[in-house]
Amino acid sequence: MIDLAIADDVATVVLNAPAKLNALDEQALLELAAAYDDAEASGVRALVLRGEGRAFCAGRDISGVDPRDDDVIGFLSGLVTPLLQRMSRFPAPTFAVAHGACLGVGLGLLIATDVVYVAESAKIGSPFAALGATLDSGGHAFFLDRLGAHKTLDLIYTGRLMSGTEAVEAGLFSRVLPDDEVVPATVDAASAASRGATAAFLASKQLISRIRDERLSLWDSVAIENAAQAALCDTSDYREGFAAFQEKRRPEFRGR
């Protein structure tokens, strides 16, 4: 159910089980991790993640799950968390298209992606009030960081889902677009990034992760920015960028 296509230095990963709204079972999670491994091995310079059909991803596929013997820790800690960590560390800019249901593990996939463009029809939130379960896949930290405790618990207690427009206005994701425009806009953004200074992009991606995960102060952040900038001075892209600026021409970056 996971498709991978690679063209022009851009990998496209597609959740392709539209009949079940791209809900993910154990096998699908393993296939998704393998797709990211294959994309990295191919040396792509950007990646797009999207879902086929009416939804991005409705979360975990629980159609065959018996709650009396469900290995929740094995599923979440053994499969979901390592996948999300792997996705977040992908060594190139990553983009996702969010449309329709983006719930549970599906929301986690978006959290683990660098840039998310959202369709107006998207439904984002915590539907677990109706299941007697709690939000997972990083949802608590994500919502708390952007919405604060009161709005986060309101979403959790009520099970209300945010529209794509509301989610972007609240600062959850990058931008909202009409449903028929969101896929081409995301593909265009990924293609543009793949032609850019991807070594510098990766440095910024790593900086953002450190600042977030280590809760660095302003001046600690400045120190690691300085070190990253010094390291980039040794790259061919850095030299090409300077030369292009001085010669008043468009740079031709190679990701090195």
Foldseek 3Di string as FASTA:
>chain_A
DWDWDDDLLEIEIELEDQVQQSADEQVNLVVLLVNLVVSVVVRRAEYEYAYPHQFGYQYHDCVPPDVVPDPVCCPCVVGLVVSLVSLLLRLHAYEYEGGDEQEASSVLNVVSHDAYEYAQRGWDAYQCLVVVDFGDNCVVVLCCVQPNDPVNVVCGNVVHTDGSVRCVVSPNGDYYDHPVCRVVVRVVVRSVRSQAQGLVVSLVSVLVVCCVVVVDDPVVSVVSVVVSVVVCVPDPQVVQVVVCVVVVHDGGHDND
